[in-house]
Amino acid sequence: MPQRQAVQTVTIRTPEAMGDDSWVTFRKSSQLAGKHNKVRQLLEEQGCTFDIAGRPYGGEFTPAEMETIAMIRLAESLVDWNWVDNDGNPLPKPTPDDPEASIQMLLGNLRHDEIDYLSEKLAEFLERPGNSRRSKHSSRR
C-alpha cells in the first residue's frame, strides 16, 4: 500500500553565525501543499526560471522582486532554530506555514549578513545530491 513520505528536513550547525552550539532546521518547501505555487507559476509566465535550489533568475524582475522571492523561499523552509538576540535571549521561532509572519520576524530580528548566511545554508541543503526537485520516479516509463 502506498505510504506518504515525510517532508525532508535537515538540521545544520551554524557556528559561524551564532556560536558552537547553534543550529537551524530547514525543510524542503517547494513541494508543500502548493501554497506559493501560484506565485511561482506567475513568475515563470513572466520569463523567470529557477535553479535547482529554487533561486529565481531571468525574467523581467527587479533585484528587489528577486530578493522577495528568495525571502519567501527562506521563510517557507526555516522550521526551527536556537538562535538568540544580542542579549542572549531566544529569537522567536520561525513559522514556515505563515511565510509573511516569518519574513517579518526574520527582517525584524536578523542582520542582512545573517539572512544571507541562512540563504546560503538553505541553498546548500537544496543542492545536495538526492534533493533535486525532480521526482525520483520521473524518468521511469
Protein backbone atom coordinates (compact mmCIF):
# COMPACT_ATOMS: atom_id res chain seq x y z
CA MET A 1 0.00 0.00 0.00
CA PRO A 2 1.35 3.49 -0.78
CA GLN A 3 2.61 5.49 2.13
CA ARG A 4 3.21 9.22 2.11
CA GLN A 5 6.80 10.14 2.82
CA ALA A 6 7.57 12.78 5.41
CA VAL A 7 8.77 16.17 4.21
CA GLN A 8 12.54 16.07 4.20
CA THR A 9 14.25 18.20 6.84
CA VAL A 10 17.82 18.74 7.88
CA THR A 11 19.35 20.31 10.97
CA ILE A 12 22.51 22.26 10.24
CA ARG A 13 25.04 23.54 12.74
CA THR A 14 25.61 27.29 12.41
CA PRO A 15 28.71 28.11 14.48
CA GLU A 16 29.84 30.86 12.09
CA ALA A 17 26.65 32.79 12.76
CA MET A 18 25.71 32.11 16.39
CA GLY A 19 28.46 30.14 18.09
CA ASP A 20 29.38 26.50 18.58
CA ASP A 21 26.05 25.16 19.85
CA SER A 22 23.81 26.94 17.34
CA TRP A 23 21.69 25.21 14.70
CA VAL A 24 18.81 25.69 12.27
CA THR A 25 16.38 23.19 10.78
CA PHE A 26 15.21 23.54 7.18
CA ARG A 27 12.55 21.65 5.27
CA LYS A 28 12.10 21.41 1.55
CA SER A 29 9.41 23.91 0.76
CA SER A 30 8.87 23.58 -2.96
CA GLN A 31 6.66 20.53 -2.58
CA LEU A 32 4.47 21.82 0.25
CA ALA A 33 0.75 21.99 -0.47
CA GLY A 34 1.23 24.43 -3.33
CA LYS A 35 0.75 27.50 -1.14
CA HIS A 36 3.09 29.56 -3.28
CA ASN A 37 2.94 27.56 -6.50
CA LYS A 38 0.73 30.29 -7.95
CA VAL A 39 3.43 32.88 -7.27
CA ARG A 40 5.99 30.61 -8.91
CA GLN A 41 3.70 29.99 -11.88
CA LEU A 42 3.16 33.72 -12.38
CA LEU A 43 6.91 34.33 -12.21
CA GLU A 44 7.57 31.58 -14.75
CA GLU A 45 4.94 33.08 -17.08
CA GLN A 46 6.91 36.34 -16.93
CA GLY A 47 10.06 34.53 -18.06
CA CYS A 48 11.64 33.82 -14.69
CA THR A 49 13.35 30.46 -14.25
CA PHE A 50 14.58 28.77 -11.10
CA ASP A 51 17.78 26.89 -10.40
CA ILE A 52 17.81 23.61 -8.50
CA ALA A 53 17.90 25.47 -5.18
CA GLY A 54 14.81 27.43 -6.15
CA ARG A 55 16.63 30.70 -6.68
CA PRO A 56 14.92 32.71 -9.41
CA TYR A 57 16.81 34.24 -12.29
CA GLY A 58 15.99 35.86 -15.58
CA GLY A 59 12.64 37.30 -16.50
CA GLU A 60 11.54 40.89 -16.19
CA PHE A 61 12.12 41.38 -12.49
CA THR A 62 13.89 43.96 -10.42
CA PRO A 63 16.52 42.91 -7.89
CA ALA A 64 14.04 43.81 -5.14
CA GLU A 65 11.44 41.43 -6.59
CA MET A 66 14.04 38.68 -6.82
CA GLU A 67 15.02 39.28 -3.20
CA THR A 68 11.37 38.98 -2.17
CA ILE A 69 11.09 35.57 -3.82
CA ALA A 70 14.28 34.42 -2.06
CA MET A 71 12.85 35.61 1.28
CA ILE A 72 9.63 33.67 0.66
CA ARG A 73 11.67 30.53 -0.02
CA LEU A 74 13.68 31.04 3.18
CA ALA A 75 10.56 31.79 5.24
CA GLU A 76 8.81 28.64 3.97
CA SER A 77 11.85 26.47 4.63
CA LEU A 78 13.13 27.58 8.05
CA VAL A 79 11.40 25.32 10.58
CA ASP A 80 13.29 25.74 13.84
CA TRP A 81 16.43 27.18 15.38
CA ASN A 82 18.11 28.05 18.64
CA TRP A 83 19.37 31.49 17.63
CA VAL A 84 19.49 34.38 20.10
CA ASP A 85 19.48 38.17 20.08
CA ASN A 86 22.33 40.44 21.21
CA ASP A 87 21.35 39.93 24.86
CA GLY A 88 21.31 36.13 24.58
CA ASN A 89 17.51 35.88 24.58
CA PRO A 90 15.99 33.27 22.24
CA LEU A 91 14.68 34.70 18.99
CA PRO A 92 11.05 33.94 18.10
CA LYS A 93 10.61 30.57 16.41
CA PRO A 94 10.10 30.60 12.65
CA THR A 95 6.57 29.99 11.32
CA PRO A 96 7.07 28.29 7.93
CA ASP A 97 3.33 27.78 7.43
CA ASP A 98 2.86 31.56 7.65
CA PRO A 99 5.65 32.90 5.42
CA GLU A 100 4.56 36.53 5.79
CA ALA A 101 4.91 36.34 9.57
CA SER A 102 8.23 34.52 9.20
CA ILE A 103 9.55 37.18 6.82
CA GLN A 104 8.61 39.93 9.27
CA MET A 105 10.27 38.01 12.11
CA LEU A 106 13.44 37.48 10.07
CA LEU A 107 13.65 41.11 8.95
CA GLY A 108 12.90 42.36 12.45
CA ASN A 109 15.48 40.20 14.24
CA LEU A 110 18.36 39.40 11.90
CA ARG A 111 21.09 41.42 10.23
CA HIS A 112 21.38 41.22 6.44
CA ASP A 113 24.54 39.11 6.70
CA GLU A 114 22.67 36.60 8.90
CA ILE A 115 19.83 36.38 6.37
CA ASP A 116 22.41 35.86 3.59
CA TYR A 117 24.07 33.15 5.71
CA LEU A 118 20.75 31.32 6.16
CA SER A 119 20.01 31.62 2.45
CA GLU A 120 23.39 30.09 1.62
CA LYS A 121 22.83 27.22 4.07
CA LEU A 122 19.38 26.59 2.59
CA ALA A 123 20.83 26.54 -0.93
CA GLU A 124 23.47 24.01 0.18
CA PHE A 125 20.71 21.77 1.56
CA LEU A 126 18.61 22.01 -1.59
CA GLU A 127 21.58 21.41 -3.87
CA ARG A 128 22.74 18.21 -2.15
CA PRO A 129 22.54 15.08 -4.31
CA GLY A 130 19.14 13.50 -3.93
CA ASN A 131 17.45 16.81 -3.12
CA SER A 132 16.59 17.68 -6.69
CA ARG A 133 13.02 18.84 -7.09
CA ARG A 134 12.59 16.32 -9.89
CA SER A 135 10.81 13.22 -8.67
CA LYS A 136 12.97 10.16 -8.41
CA HIS A 137 10.26 8.40 -10.43
CA SER A 138 10.10 10.97 -13.24
CA SER A 139 12.45 9.05 -15.56
CA ARG A 140 10.51 5.78 -15.31
CA ARG A 141 8.44 4.76 -18.32
